[in-house]
Amino acid sequence: MLSSKAMLDGHGEESPYFQGWKEYEKNAYDDVQNPTGIIQMGLAENQLSLDLLKTWIENNQDATRLTNNGESMFRHLALFQDYHGLPAFKNVGAELMAEIRGNKVSFDPRKLVLMAGATAASETLMFCIAEHGDAFLLPTPYYPGYDRDLKWRTGVELVPIHCSSSNGFKVTKFALEEAYQQAKKLSLKGVLITNPSNTLGTTMSHVELDDHFYCGQEDPLNK
């Protein structure tokens, strides 16, 4: 017998989003072989740099052979590792993030946790900061997979902040307050923001973040 959690339909397999995925896989577009097929526009998958990665891998064979200066790294990589991620990898990651920001900020690799993708990281974050039944506000439109990634096993609730195309899907005080009033029936934990937006690719300015999401001591979202 499966557990009640395993039997829940929160996995989203029957949602329009994942049904669309299945239809795409059966009839994928190809400009030569299948020009009337389905174009996948529901996945935030960057394929623009694959040629650069391919060239780098071809020029750095040690990476694909799991060797370092000709010495095999297989045993070092195959056995149990630090659960927070390979220290050497975290060091490089911290240096890269600092470099991207013009070295105006620094990152402590000891405070970094590496995970296998945003899905795993999102679900783990929910387990760390929320209890079963807690709620989060989330601006729309948002990535449909969040209903699975954030809710299925964690038991948290997502309350949409309904945004409109009439103003470029910007969050308004009215929409935020409306969502807050709806979430008051639950245990409101906070506001989730993807910036840049997934699915729109737009970004929020410092002014928008300060005006709408800064929670002072008297702000109801800070209670």
N, C-alpha and C. Protein backbone atom coordinates (compact mmCIF):
# COMPACT_ATOMS: atom_id res chain seq x y z
N MET A 1 0.84 -1.20 0.00
CA MET A 1 0.00 0.00 0.00
C MET A 1 0.88 1.26 0.00
N LEU A 2 0.51 2.21 -0.84
CA LEU A 2 1.22 3.48 -0.85
C LEU A 2 0.69 4.39 0.24
N SER A 3 1.55 5.28 0.71
CA SER A 3 1.13 6.24 1.73
C SER A 3 0.17 7.25 1.13
N SER A 4 -0.54 7.97 2.01
CA SER A 4 -1.47 8.99 1.54
C SER A 4 -0.73 10.09 0.79
N LYS A 5 0.49 10.39 1.21
CA LYS A 5 1.27 11.43 0.54
C LYS A 5 1.62 11.00 -0.88
N ALA A 6 1.96 9.72 -1.04
CA ALA A 6 2.31 9.23 -2.37
C ALA A 6 1.09 9.21 -3.29
N MET A 7 -0.10 9.09 -2.70
CA MET A 7 -1.33 9.01 -3.49
C MET A 7 -1.90 10.38 -3.83
N LEU A 8 -1.37 11.45 -3.24
CA LEU A 8 -1.87 12.79 -3.53
C LEU A 8 -1.63 13.13 -5.00
N ASP A 9 -2.51 13.96 -5.56
CA ASP A 9 -2.34 14.35 -6.95
C ASP A 9 -1.54 15.63 -7.09
N GLY A 10 -0.88 16.06 -6.02
CA GLY A 10 -0.09 17.28 -6.06
C GLY A 10 1.13 17.19 -6.94
N HIS A 11 1.45 16.00 -7.42
CA HIS A 11 2.60 15.85 -8.32
C HIS A 11 2.36 16.56 -9.65
N GLY A 12 1.10 16.88 -9.94
CA GLY A 12 0.79 17.70 -11.10
C GLY A 12 0.83 17.00 -12.44
N GLU A 13 0.97 15.68 -12.45
CA GLU A 13 1.10 14.97 -13.72
C GLU A 13 -0.11 15.17 -14.63
N GLU A 14 -1.28 15.44 -14.03
CA GLU A 14 -2.49 15.62 -14.83
C GLU A 14 -2.79 17.09 -15.11
N SER A 15 -1.91 17.98 -14.68
CA SER A 15 -2.14 19.41 -14.91
C SER A 15 -1.95 19.74 -16.38
N PRO A 16 -2.56 20.84 -16.86
CA PRO A 16 -2.38 21.23 -18.27
C PRO A 16 -0.91 21.41 -18.65
N TYR A 17 -0.10 21.89 -17.69
CA TYR A 17 1.32 22.11 -17.98
C TYR A 17 2.02 20.82 -18.36
N PHE A 18 1.86 19.79 -17.54
CA PHE A 18 2.56 18.54 -17.81
C PHE A 18 1.89 17.74 -18.92
N GLN A 19 0.58 17.92 -19.11
CA GLN A 19 -0.07 17.30 -20.25
C GLN A 19 0.47 17.88 -21.55
N GLY A 20 0.74 19.22 -21.51
CA GLY A 20 1.35 19.86 -22.67
C GLY A 20 2.72 19.31 -22.97
N TRP A 21 3.47 19.02 -21.91
CA TRP A 21 4.80 18.41 -22.06
C TRP A 21 4.68 17.08 -22.83
N LYS A 22 3.72 16.27 -22.43
CA LYS A 22 3.56 14.95 -23.04
C LYS A 22 3.19 15.07 -24.52
N GLU A 23 2.33 16.05 -24.83
CA GLU A 23 1.95 16.25 -26.23
C GLU A 23 3.15 16.72 -27.04
N TYR A 24 3.98 17.57 -26.45
CA TYR A 24 5.19 18.04 -27.14
C TYR A 24 6.13 16.87 -27.44
N GLU A 25 6.32 15.98 -26.46
CA GLU A 25 7.23 14.86 -26.64
C GLU A 25 6.76 13.91 -27.73
N LYS A 26 5.43 13.86 -27.94
CA LYS A 26 4.89 12.98 -28.99
C LYS A 26 4.94 13.64 -30.37
N ASN A 27 5.05 14.97 -30.40
CA ASN A 27 4.95 15.67 -31.68
C ASN A 27 5.82 16.92 -31.66
N ALA A 28 7.12 16.73 -31.44
CA ALA A 28 8.04 17.87 -31.31
C ALA A 28 8.30 18.52 -32.67
N TYR A 29 8.40 19.82 -32.67
CA TYR A 29 8.67 20.58 -33.89
C TYR A 29 10.09 20.34 -34.40
N ASP A 30 10.22 20.25 -35.70
CA ASP A 30 11.52 20.22 -36.37
C ASP A 30 11.34 20.95 -37.70
N ASP A 31 12.24 21.90 -37.98
CA ASP A 31 12.02 22.75 -39.15
C ASP A 31 12.08 21.98 -40.47
N VAL A 32 12.66 20.78 -40.44
CA VAL A 32 12.73 19.97 -41.65
C VAL A 32 11.82 18.75 -41.57
N GLN A 33 11.97 17.96 -40.50
CA GLN A 33 11.26 16.70 -40.39
C GLN A 33 9.81 16.86 -39.94
N ASN A 34 9.52 17.90 -39.14
CA ASN A 34 8.16 18.04 -38.61
C ASN A 34 7.82 19.52 -38.42
N PRO A 35 7.68 20.27 -39.51
CA PRO A 35 7.45 21.72 -39.41
C PRO A 35 6.11 22.10 -38.82
N THR A 36 5.15 21.15 -38.72
CA THR A 36 3.85 21.45 -38.12
C THR A 36 3.77 20.95 -36.68
N GLY A 37 4.90 20.54 -36.13
CA GLY A 37 4.91 20.03 -34.76
C GLY A 37 4.79 21.11 -33.72
N ILE A 38 4.84 20.70 -32.46
CA ILE A 38 4.65 21.59 -31.31
C ILE A 38 5.98 22.20 -30.90
N ILE A 39 5.98 23.50 -30.68
CA ILE A 39 7.17 24.20 -30.19
C ILE A 39 7.07 24.31 -28.67
N GLN A 40 8.09 23.87 -27.97
CA GLN A 40 8.10 23.90 -26.50
C GLN A 40 8.45 25.30 -26.02
N MET A 41 7.48 25.98 -25.41
CA MET A 41 7.71 27.32 -24.89
C MET A 41 7.43 27.39 -23.39
N GLY A 42 7.32 26.23 -22.76
CA GLY A 42 7.00 26.21 -21.34
C GLY A 42 8.17 25.79 -20.47
N LEU A 43 9.38 25.76 -21.03
CA LEU A 43 10.53 25.29 -20.27
C LEU A 43 11.63 26.33 -20.28
N ALA A 44 12.08 26.71 -19.09
CA ALA A 44 13.18 27.69 -18.98
C ALA A 44 14.51 26.97 -19.11
N GLU A 45 14.79 26.48 -20.30
CA GLU A 45 16.01 25.71 -20.54
C GLU A 45 16.88 26.46 -21.53
N ASN A 46 18.05 26.88 -21.09
CA ASN A 46 18.93 27.67 -21.94
C ASN A 46 19.80 26.75 -22.80
N GLN A 47 19.54 26.77 -24.10
CA GLN A 47 20.32 25.96 -25.03
C GLN A 47 21.24 26.81 -25.90
N LEU A 48 21.30 28.12 -25.59
CA LEU A 48 22.07 29.04 -26.42
C LEU A 48 23.57 28.86 -26.29
N SER A 49 24.01 28.30 -25.17
CA SER A 49 25.46 28.20 -24.94
C SER A 49 25.98 26.77 -25.10
N LEU A 50 25.17 25.87 -25.64
CA LEU A 50 25.61 24.48 -25.77
C LEU A 50 26.85 24.36 -26.66
N ASP A 51 26.95 25.21 -27.68
CA ASP A 51 28.13 25.14 -28.56
C ASP A 51 29.39 25.53 -27.79
N LEU A 52 29.27 26.50 -26.88
CA LEU A 52 30.42 26.90 -26.07
C LEU A 52 30.83 25.78 -25.11
N LEU A 53 29.83 25.14 -24.52
CA LEU A 53 30.13 24.03 -23.60
C LEU A 53 30.77 22.87 -24.35
N LYS A 54 30.25 22.58 -25.52
CA LYS A 54 30.79 21.47 -26.33
C LYS A 54 32.25 21.74 -26.66
N THR A 55 32.56 22.97 -27.06
CA THR A 55 33.94 23.32 -27.40
C THR A 55 34.85 23.22 -26.18
N TRP A 56 34.35 23.70 -25.02
CA TRP A 56 35.16 23.65 -23.81
C TRP A 56 35.46 22.21 -23.41
N ILE A 57 34.45 21.35 -23.48
CA ILE A 57 34.64 19.95 -23.10
C ILE A 57 35.64 19.27 -24.04
N GLU A 58 35.53 19.59 -25.34
CA GLU A 58 36.47 19.01 -26.30
C GLU A 58 37.90 19.45 -26.02
N ASN A 59 38.06 20.67 -25.51
CA ASN A 59 39.40 21.20 -25.22
C ASN A 59 39.88 20.89 -23.81
N ASN A 60 39.01 20.28 -23.00
CA ASN A 60 39.38 19.95 -21.62
C ASN A 60 38.96 18.51 -21.33
N GLN A 61 39.67 17.60 -21.96
CA GLN A 61 39.31 16.19 -21.88
C GLN A 61 39.39 15.64 -20.46
N ASP A 62 40.23 16.26 -19.62
CA ASP A 62 40.33 15.77 -18.24
C ASP A 62 38.98 15.81 -17.54
N ALA A 63 38.15 16.79 -17.88
CA ALA A 63 36.85 16.93 -17.22
C ALA A 63 35.95 15.74 -17.52
N THR A 64 35.96 15.25 -18.75
CA THR A 64 35.09 14.14 -19.11
C THR A 64 35.68 12.80 -18.71
N ARG A 65 36.99 12.75 -18.53
CA ARG A 65 37.63 11.49 -18.12
C ARG A 65 37.73 11.38 -16.61
N LEU A 66 37.23 12.37 -15.89
CA LEU A 66 37.31 12.40 -14.43
C LEU A 66 38.76 12.29 -13.98
N THR A 67 39.62 13.06 -14.66
CA THR A 67 41.03 13.08 -14.26
C THR A 67 41.46 14.50 -13.99
N ASN A 68 42.52 14.63 -13.23
CA ASN A 68 43.11 15.93 -12.92
C ASN A 68 44.62 15.81 -13.12
N ASN A 69 45.12 16.50 -14.15
CA ASN A 69 46.54 16.39 -14.49
C ASN A 69 46.94 14.94 -14.76
N GLY A 70 46.04 14.23 -15.41
CA GLY A 70 46.32 12.84 -15.76
C GLY A 70 46.04 11.84 -14.66
N GLU A 71 45.73 12.29 -13.45
CA GLU A 71 45.46 11.38 -12.33
C GLU A 71 43.96 11.18 -12.17
N SER A 72 43.54 9.92 -12.02
CA SER A 72 42.12 9.61 -11.91
C SER A 72 41.51 10.22 -10.65
N MET A 73 40.33 10.87 -10.84
CA MET A 73 39.60 11.44 -9.72
C MET A 73 38.35 10.63 -9.40
N PHE A 74 38.22 9.45 -10.04
CA PHE A 74 36.98 8.69 -9.91
C PHE A 74 36.68 8.30 -8.46
N ARG A 75 37.66 7.76 -7.77
CA ARG A 75 37.42 7.33 -6.38
C ARG A 75 37.04 8.53 -5.51
N HIS A 76 37.71 9.66 -5.75
CA HIS A 76 37.43 10.85 -4.95
C HIS A 76 36.01 11.35 -5.16
N LEU A 77 35.51 11.21 -6.42
CA LEU A 77 34.18 11.74 -6.74
C LEU A 77 33.07 10.73 -6.51
N ALA A 78 33.37 9.43 -6.61
CA ALA A 78 32.33 8.41 -6.55
C ALA A 78 31.88 8.09 -5.13
N LEU A 79 32.77 8.25 -4.15
CA LEU A 79 32.42 7.90 -2.78
C LEU A 79 31.66 9.05 -2.12
N PHE A 80 31.17 8.82 -0.90
CA PHE A 80 30.37 9.82 -0.21
C PHE A 80 31.13 11.13 -0.07
N GLN A 81 30.37 12.24 -0.30
CA GLN A 81 30.97 13.56 -0.24
C GLN A 81 30.35 14.35 0.91
N ASP A 82 30.90 15.52 1.14
CA ASP A 82 30.29 16.46 2.07
C ASP A 82 28.85 16.71 1.60
N TYR A 83 27.88 16.54 2.50
CA TYR A 83 26.49 16.69 2.12
C TYR A 83 26.14 18.09 1.64
N HIS A 84 26.97 19.07 1.94
CA HIS A 84 26.71 20.44 1.52
C HIS A 84 27.32 20.74 0.15
N GLY A 85 28.03 19.78 -0.44
CA GLY A 85 28.65 19.98 -1.74
C GLY A 85 30.16 19.92 -1.66
N LEU A 86 30.79 19.60 -2.78
CA LEU A 86 32.25 19.52 -2.83
C LEU A 86 32.87 20.86 -2.46
N PRO A 87 33.74 20.91 -1.46
CA PRO A 87 34.35 22.18 -1.06
C PRO A 87 35.05 22.91 -2.20
N ALA A 88 35.76 22.18 -3.05
CA ALA A 88 36.46 22.82 -4.17
C ALA A 88 35.47 23.48 -5.11
N PHE A 89 34.35 22.80 -5.35
CA PHE A 89 33.31 23.35 -6.23
C PHE A 89 32.68 24.60 -5.60
N LYS A 90 32.45 24.55 -4.30
CA LYS A 90 31.85 25.70 -3.61
C LYS A 90 32.80 26.90 -3.64
N ASN A 91 34.08 26.64 -3.50
CA ASN A 91 35.06 27.74 -3.55
C ASN A 91 35.02 28.44 -4.90
N VAL A 92 35.00 27.63 -5.97
CA VAL A 92 34.94 28.19 -7.31
C VAL A 92 33.62 28.94 -7.53
N GLY A 93 32.53 28.38 -7.01
CA GLY A 93 31.23 29.02 -7.15
C GLY A 93 31.18 30.36 -6.45
N ALA A 94 31.75 30.43 -5.26
CA ALA A 94 31.77 31.69 -4.51
C ALA A 94 32.60 32.74 -5.24
N GLU A 95 33.73 32.31 -5.81
CA GLU A 95 34.57 33.24 -6.56
C GLU A 95 33.85 33.75 -7.82
N LEU A 96 33.13 32.87 -8.50
CA LEU A 96 32.42 33.25 -9.71
C LEU A 96 31.31 34.25 -9.40
N MET A 97 30.53 34.00 -8.34
CA MET A 97 29.44 34.91 -7.98
C MET A 97 29.98 36.29 -7.61
N ALA A 98 31.12 36.31 -6.94
CA ALA A 98 31.73 37.60 -6.59
C ALA A 98 32.22 38.31 -7.84
N GLU A 99 32.81 37.56 -8.76
CA GLU A 99 33.33 38.16 -10.00
C GLU A 99 32.20 38.76 -10.83
N ILE A 100 31.06 38.04 -10.92
CA ILE A 100 29.92 38.52 -11.68
C ILE A 100 29.42 39.86 -11.12
N ARG A 101 29.56 40.03 -9.83
CA ARG A 101 29.11 41.27 -9.17
C ARG A 101 30.23 42.29 -9.03
N GLY A 102 31.25 42.16 -9.88
CA GLY A 102 32.34 43.12 -9.89
C GLY A 102 33.18 43.11 -8.64
N ASN A 103 33.16 41.99 -7.91
CA ASN A 103 33.91 41.82 -6.66
C ASN A 103 33.56 42.90 -5.63
N LYS A 104 32.33 43.43 -5.74
CA LYS A 104 31.86 44.40 -4.74
C LYS A 104 31.31 43.70 -3.50
N VAL A 105 31.02 42.43 -3.64
CA VAL A 105 30.56 41.62 -2.50
C VAL A 105 31.36 40.32 -2.50
N SER A 106 31.39 39.68 -1.36
CA SER A 106 32.09 38.39 -1.26
C SER A 106 31.13 37.36 -0.69
N PHE A 107 31.42 36.09 -0.96
CA PHE A 107 30.57 35.00 -0.51
C PHE A 107 31.43 33.99 0.25
N ASP A 108 30.91 33.55 1.37
CA ASP A 108 31.61 32.57 2.18
C ASP A 108 31.21 31.18 1.71
N PRO A 109 32.11 30.43 1.08
CA PRO A 109 31.74 29.11 0.56
C PRO A 109 31.27 28.15 1.65
N ARG A 110 31.65 28.43 2.90
CA ARG A 110 31.19 27.57 4.00
C ARG A 110 29.69 27.72 4.25
N LYS A 111 29.12 28.81 3.73
CA LYS A 111 27.69 29.05 3.92
C LYS A 111 26.88 28.74 2.67
N LEU A 112 27.52 28.10 1.69
CA LEU A 112 26.83 27.69 0.48
C LEU A 112 26.44 26.22 0.58
N VAL A 113 25.26 25.91 0.07
CA VAL A 113 24.81 24.52 -0.02
C VAL A 113 24.51 24.24 -1.48
N LEU A 114 25.15 23.23 -2.05
CA LEU A 114 24.93 22.88 -3.45
C LEU A 114 23.84 21.81 -3.56
N MET A 115 22.94 22.00 -4.53
CA MET A 115 21.86 21.05 -4.72
C MET A 115 21.72 20.75 -6.20
N ALA A 116 21.04 19.66 -6.51
CA ALA A 116 20.89 19.20 -7.89
C ALA A 116 19.71 19.91 -8.55
N GLY A 117 19.84 21.21 -8.80
CA GLY A 117 18.82 21.94 -9.52
C GLY A 117 17.90 22.75 -8.64
N ALA A 118 17.17 23.67 -9.29
CA ALA A 118 16.27 24.58 -8.57
C ALA A 118 15.08 23.85 -7.96
N THR A 119 14.63 22.77 -8.59
CA THR A 119 13.49 22.03 -8.04
C THR A 119 13.81 21.48 -6.66
N ALA A 120 14.95 20.80 -6.54
CA ALA A 120 15.36 20.25 -5.25
C ALA A 120 15.60 21.36 -4.22
N ALA A 121 16.23 22.45 -4.68
CA ALA A 121 16.53 23.56 -3.77
C ALA A 121 15.25 24.22 -3.27
N SER A 122 14.26 24.39 -4.16
CA SER A 122 13.01 25.03 -3.78
C SER A 122 12.26 24.20 -2.74
N GLU A 123 12.17 22.90 -2.97
CA GLU A 123 11.46 22.04 -2.04
C GLU A 123 12.18 21.98 -0.69
N THR A 124 13.50 21.87 -0.73
CA THR A 124 14.27 21.84 0.52
C THR A 124 14.10 23.13 1.31
N LEU A 125 14.07 24.27 0.60
CA LEU A 125 13.87 25.55 1.26
C LEU A 125 12.52 25.57 1.98
N MET A 126 11.49 25.04 1.33
CA MET A 126 10.17 24.99 1.98
C MET A 126 10.20 24.18 3.25
N PHE A 127 10.87 23.03 3.21
CA PHE A 127 10.97 22.19 4.40
C PHE A 127 11.71 22.91 5.53
N CYS A 128 12.67 23.77 5.14
CA CYS A 128 13.50 24.44 6.15
C CYS A 128 12.79 25.60 6.82
N ILE A 129 11.95 26.33 6.08
CA ILE A 129 11.39 27.57 6.62
C ILE A 129 9.90 27.51 6.90
N ALA A 130 9.22 26.43 6.53
CA ALA A 130 7.77 26.40 6.69
C ALA A 130 7.30 25.09 7.31
N GLU A 131 6.14 25.16 7.93
CA GLU A 131 5.47 23.99 8.47
C GLU A 131 4.32 23.62 7.54
N HIS A 132 3.84 22.39 7.69
CA HIS A 132 2.69 21.93 6.91
C HIS A 132 1.51 22.89 7.15
N GLY A 133 0.93 23.40 6.06
CA GLY A 133 -0.20 24.32 6.17
C GLY A 133 0.16 25.78 6.10
N ASP A 134 1.46 26.13 6.23
CA ASP A 134 1.88 27.52 6.08
C ASP A 134 1.64 27.98 4.64
N ALA A 135 1.46 29.30 4.47
CA ALA A 135 1.15 29.84 3.15
C ALA A 135 2.17 30.89 2.72
N PHE A 136 2.36 30.98 1.41
CA PHE A 136 3.22 32.00 0.81
C PHE A 136 2.45 32.72 -0.29
N LEU A 137 2.65 34.02 -0.37
CA LEU A 137 2.11 34.79 -1.49
C LEU A 137 3.09 34.70 -2.66
N LEU A 138 2.54 34.65 -3.87
CA LEU A 138 3.39 34.48 -5.05
C LEU A 138 2.76 35.21 -6.23
N PRO A 139 3.48 36.21 -6.81
CA PRO A 139 2.92 36.96 -7.93
C PRO A 139 2.67 36.07 -9.15
N THR A 140 1.60 36.36 -9.87
CA THR A 140 1.28 35.67 -11.11
C THR A 140 1.69 36.53 -12.30
N PRO A 141 1.95 35.90 -13.46
CA PRO A 141 1.99 34.45 -13.69
C PRO A 141 3.27 33.86 -13.14
N TYR A 142 3.19 32.62 -12.67
CA TYR A 142 4.39 31.97 -12.17
C TYR A 142 4.54 30.59 -12.81
N TYR A 143 5.73 30.05 -12.70
CA TYR A 143 6.06 28.74 -13.27
C TYR A 143 5.08 27.69 -12.75
N PRO A 144 4.32 27.01 -13.62
CA PRO A 144 3.31 26.05 -13.17
C PRO A 144 3.87 24.93 -12.31
N GLY A 145 5.15 24.61 -12.50
CA GLY A 145 5.75 23.54 -11.72
C GLY A 145 5.87 23.85 -10.24
N TYR A 146 5.73 25.13 -9.85
CA TYR A 146 5.81 25.48 -8.43
C TYR A 146 4.71 24.79 -7.63
N ASP A 147 3.55 24.57 -8.27
CA ASP A 147 2.47 23.90 -7.56
C ASP A 147 2.87 22.48 -7.15
N ARG A 148 3.80 21.90 -7.89
CA ARG A 148 4.34 20.59 -7.52
C ARG A 148 5.57 20.74 -6.64
N ASP A 149 6.53 21.54 -7.10
CA ASP A 149 7.82 21.63 -6.42
C ASP A 149 7.69 22.15 -4.99
N LEU A 150 6.83 23.14 -4.79
CA LEU A 150 6.75 23.79 -3.49
C LEU A 150 5.67 23.20 -2.58
N LYS A 151 4.65 22.57 -3.16
CA LYS A 151 3.48 22.17 -2.36
C LYS A 151 3.36 20.67 -2.11
N TRP A 152 3.73 19.86 -3.09
CA TRP A 152 3.34 18.45 -3.08
C TRP A 152 3.72 17.73 -1.79
N ARG A 153 5.00 17.66 -1.49
CA ARG A 153 5.44 16.90 -0.31
C ARG A 153 5.51 17.76 0.95
N THR A 154 5.64 19.07 0.78
CA THR A 154 5.83 19.94 1.94
C THR A 154 4.53 20.29 2.64
N GLY A 155 3.43 20.28 1.89
CA GLY A 155 2.15 20.63 2.49
C GLY A 155 1.91 22.13 2.64
N VAL A 156 2.75 22.97 2.02
CA VAL A 156 2.53 24.42 2.10
C VAL A 156 1.49 24.83 1.07
N GLU A 157 0.95 26.03 1.23
CA GLU A 157 -0.05 26.56 0.30
C GLU A 157 0.51 27.79 -0.42
N LEU A 158 0.15 27.95 -1.68
CA LEU A 158 0.52 29.12 -2.46
C LEU A 158 -0.72 29.97 -2.71
N VAL A 159 -0.64 31.24 -2.34
CA VAL A 159 -1.75 32.17 -2.55
C VAL A 159 -1.31 33.17 -3.62
N PRO A 160 -1.96 33.18 -4.78
CA PRO A 160 -1.50 34.04 -5.88
C PRO A 160 -1.77 35.52 -5.63
N ILE A 161 -0.78 36.34 -5.97
CA ILE A 161 -0.97 37.79 -6.06
C ILE A 161 -1.31 38.05 -7.52
N HIS A 162 -2.58 38.31 -7.81
CA HIS A 162 -3.03 38.39 -9.19
C HIS A 162 -2.56 39.67 -9.85
N CYS A 163 -1.72 39.51 -10.87
CA CYS A 163 -1.18 40.65 -11.62
C CYS A 163 -1.83 40.69 -13.01
N SER A 164 -1.81 41.86 -13.63
CA SER A 164 -2.51 42.07 -14.89
C SER A 164 -1.56 42.48 -16.00
N SER A 165 -1.89 42.07 -17.22
CA SER A 165 -1.11 42.47 -18.38
C SER A 165 -1.25 43.96 -18.67
N SER A 166 -2.29 44.59 -18.12
CA SER A 166 -2.54 46.00 -18.40
C SER A 166 -1.41 46.91 -17.92
N ASN A 167 -0.66 46.45 -16.91
CA ASN A 167 0.48 47.26 -16.43
C ASN A 167 1.79 46.48 -16.50
N GLY A 168 1.82 45.49 -17.41
CA GLY A 168 3.04 44.70 -17.56
C GLY A 168 3.25 43.70 -16.44
N PHE A 169 2.16 43.27 -15.83
CA PHE A 169 2.19 42.27 -14.75
C PHE A 169 2.98 42.76 -13.53
N LYS A 170 2.96 44.03 -13.29
CA LYS A 170 3.62 44.57 -12.10
C LYS A 170 2.73 44.34 -10.88
N VAL A 171 3.36 44.08 -9.75
CA VAL A 171 2.63 43.90 -8.50
C VAL A 171 2.14 45.26 -8.02
N THR A 172 0.85 45.33 -7.65
CA THR A 172 0.30 46.57 -7.10
C THR A 172 -0.02 46.37 -5.62
N LYS A 173 -0.11 47.48 -4.91
CA LYS A 173 -0.47 47.42 -3.50
C LYS A 173 -1.83 46.77 -3.31
N PHE A 174 -2.76 47.08 -4.25
CA PHE A 174 -4.10 46.50 -4.15
C PHE A 174 -4.05 44.99 -4.28
N ALA A 175 -3.32 44.48 -5.28
CA ALA A 175 -3.23 43.03 -5.49
C ALA A 175 -2.55 42.35 -4.32
N LEU A 176 -1.52 42.99 -3.78
CA LEU A 176 -0.81 42.42 -2.63
C LEU A 176 -1.71 42.36 -1.41
N GLU A 177 -2.47 43.42 -1.17
CA GLU A 177 -3.38 43.46 -0.02
C GLU A 177 -4.50 42.44 -0.18
N GLU A 178 -5.00 42.30 -1.42
CA GLU A 178 -6.07 41.34 -1.68
C GLU A 178 -5.60 39.92 -1.38
N ALA A 179 -4.38 39.59 -1.83
CA ALA A 179 -3.83 38.25 -1.57
C ALA A 179 -3.59 38.06 -0.08
N TYR A 180 -3.13 39.12 0.58
CA TYR A 180 -2.87 39.03 2.02
C TYR A 180 -4.16 38.73 2.79
N GLN A 181 -5.24 39.40 2.41
CA GLN A 181 -6.51 39.17 3.09
C GLN A 181 -6.97 37.72 2.89
N GLN A 182 -6.74 37.19 1.70
CA GLN A 182 -7.11 35.80 1.44
C GLN A 182 -6.26 34.85 2.27
N ALA A 183 -4.98 35.18 2.41
CA ALA A 183 -4.05 34.30 3.12
C ALA A 183 -4.21 34.38 4.64
N LYS A 184 -4.92 35.39 5.12
CA LYS A 184 -5.10 35.53 6.57
C LYS A 184 -5.81 34.33 7.17
N LYS A 185 -6.57 33.61 6.34
CA LYS A 185 -7.26 32.42 6.83
C LYS A 185 -6.27 31.30 7.12
N LEU A 186 -5.08 31.43 6.55
CA LEU A 186 -4.02 30.42 6.73
C LEU A 186 -2.92 31.00 7.60
N SER A 187 -1.87 30.26 7.77
CA SER A 187 -0.69 30.76 8.50
C SER A 187 0.28 31.33 7.48
N LEU A 188 0.24 32.66 7.31
CA LEU A 188 1.06 33.30 6.28
C LEU A 188 2.52 33.36 6.72
N LYS A 189 3.39 32.81 5.85
CA LYS A 189 4.80 32.74 6.18
C LYS A 189 5.61 33.83 5.48
N GLY A 190 5.21 34.24 4.27
CA GLY A 190 5.98 35.25 3.57
C GLY A 190 5.57 35.38 2.13
N VAL A 191 6.42 36.06 1.35
CA VAL A 191 6.20 36.28 -0.06
C VAL A 191 7.34 35.65 -0.85
N LEU A 192 7.00 34.90 -1.88
CA LEU A 192 8.02 34.29 -2.74
C LEU A 192 8.11 35.11 -4.03
N ILE A 193 9.33 35.44 -4.42
CA ILE A 193 9.55 36.22 -5.63
C ILE A 193 10.63 35.54 -6.46
N THR A 194 10.37 35.36 -7.75
CA THR A 194 11.43 34.93 -8.66
C THR A 194 11.83 36.17 -9.45
N ASN A 195 13.07 36.54 -9.35
CA ASN A 195 13.54 37.77 -9.96
C ASN A 195 14.90 37.52 -10.63
N PRO A 196 14.98 37.43 -11.97
CA PRO A 196 13.95 37.69 -12.97
C PRO A 196 12.78 36.70 -12.88
N SER A 197 11.64 37.16 -13.36
CA SER A 197 10.41 36.37 -13.28
C SER A 197 10.50 35.11 -14.12
N ASN A 198 10.04 34.04 -13.56
CA ASN A 198 9.80 32.81 -14.30
C ASN A 198 8.27 32.65 -14.25
N THR A 199 7.60 33.17 -15.27
CA THR A 199 7.81 32.88 -16.66
C THR A 199 8.11 34.09 -17.56
N LEU A 200 8.00 35.29 -17.09
CA LEU A 200 8.02 36.46 -17.97
C LEU A 200 9.42 36.89 -18.36
N GLY A 201 10.41 36.64 -17.50
CA GLY A 201 11.76 37.11 -17.77
C GLY A 201 11.97 38.56 -17.39
N THR A 202 10.96 39.20 -16.80
CA THR A 202 11.08 40.60 -16.38
C THR A 202 11.73 40.67 -15.00
N THR A 203 12.25 41.85 -14.66
CA THR A 203 12.89 42.04 -13.37
C THR A 203 12.16 43.11 -12.57
N MET A 204 12.26 43.02 -11.26
CA MET A 204 11.70 44.04 -10.38
C MET A 204 12.78 45.04 -10.00
N SER A 205 12.41 46.29 -9.98
CA SER A 205 13.36 47.34 -9.62
C SER A 205 13.49 47.42 -8.10
N HIS A 206 14.54 48.11 -7.64
CA HIS A 206 14.71 48.33 -6.20
C HIS A 206 13.50 49.06 -5.63
N VAL A 207 12.96 49.99 -6.40
CA VAL A 207 11.80 50.77 -5.93
C VAL A 207 10.60 49.86 -5.71
N GLU A 208 10.34 48.97 -6.69
CA GLU A 208 9.22 48.04 -6.55
C GLU A 208 9.39 47.13 -5.34
N LEU A 209 10.60 46.61 -5.17
CA LEU A 209 10.84 45.72 -4.03
C LEU A 209 10.66 46.46 -2.71
N ASP A 210 11.18 47.69 -2.63
CA ASP A 210 11.06 48.47 -1.39
C ASP A 210 9.62 48.87 -1.13
N ASP A 211 8.91 49.31 -2.18
CA ASP A 211 7.55 49.80 -2.01
C ASP A 211 6.58 48.69 -1.64
N HIS A 212 6.74 47.53 -2.26
CA HIS A 212 5.73 46.49 -2.11
C HIS A 212 6.09 45.39 -1.11
N PHE A 213 7.38 45.12 -0.95
CA PHE A 213 7.74 43.93 -0.19
C PHE A 213 8.59 44.20 1.04
N TYR A 214 8.98 45.45 1.26
CA TYR A 214 9.72 45.74 2.48
C TYR A 214 8.78 45.62 3.66
N CYS A 215 9.11 44.79 4.61
CA CYS A 215 8.24 44.55 5.75
C CYS A 215 8.82 45.23 6.99
N GLY A 216 8.29 46.36 7.33
CA GLY A 216 8.68 47.03 8.55
C GLY A 216 8.04 46.38 9.76
N GLN A 217 8.34 46.90 10.93
CA GLN A 217 7.84 46.31 12.16
C GLN A 217 6.30 46.35 12.22
N GLU A 218 5.70 47.38 11.61
CA GLU A 218 4.26 47.52 11.66
C GLU A 218 3.54 46.87 10.48
N ASP A 219 4.32 46.38 9.52
CA ASP A 219 3.72 45.78 8.34
C ASP A 219 3.08 44.43 8.71
N PRO A 220 1.82 44.19 8.27
CA PRO A 220 1.17 42.92 8.60
C PRO A 220 1.92 41.69 8.09
N LEU A 221 2.70 41.86 7.00
CA LEU A 221 3.46 40.72 6.49
C LEU A 221 4.62 40.36 7.40
N ASN A 222 4.95 41.21 8.35
CA ASN A 222 6.06 40.95 9.25
C ASN A 222 5.60 40.30 10.55
N LYS A 223 4.31 40.09 10.67
CA LYS A 223 3.78 39.52 11.91
C LYS A 223 3.91 38.01 11.91
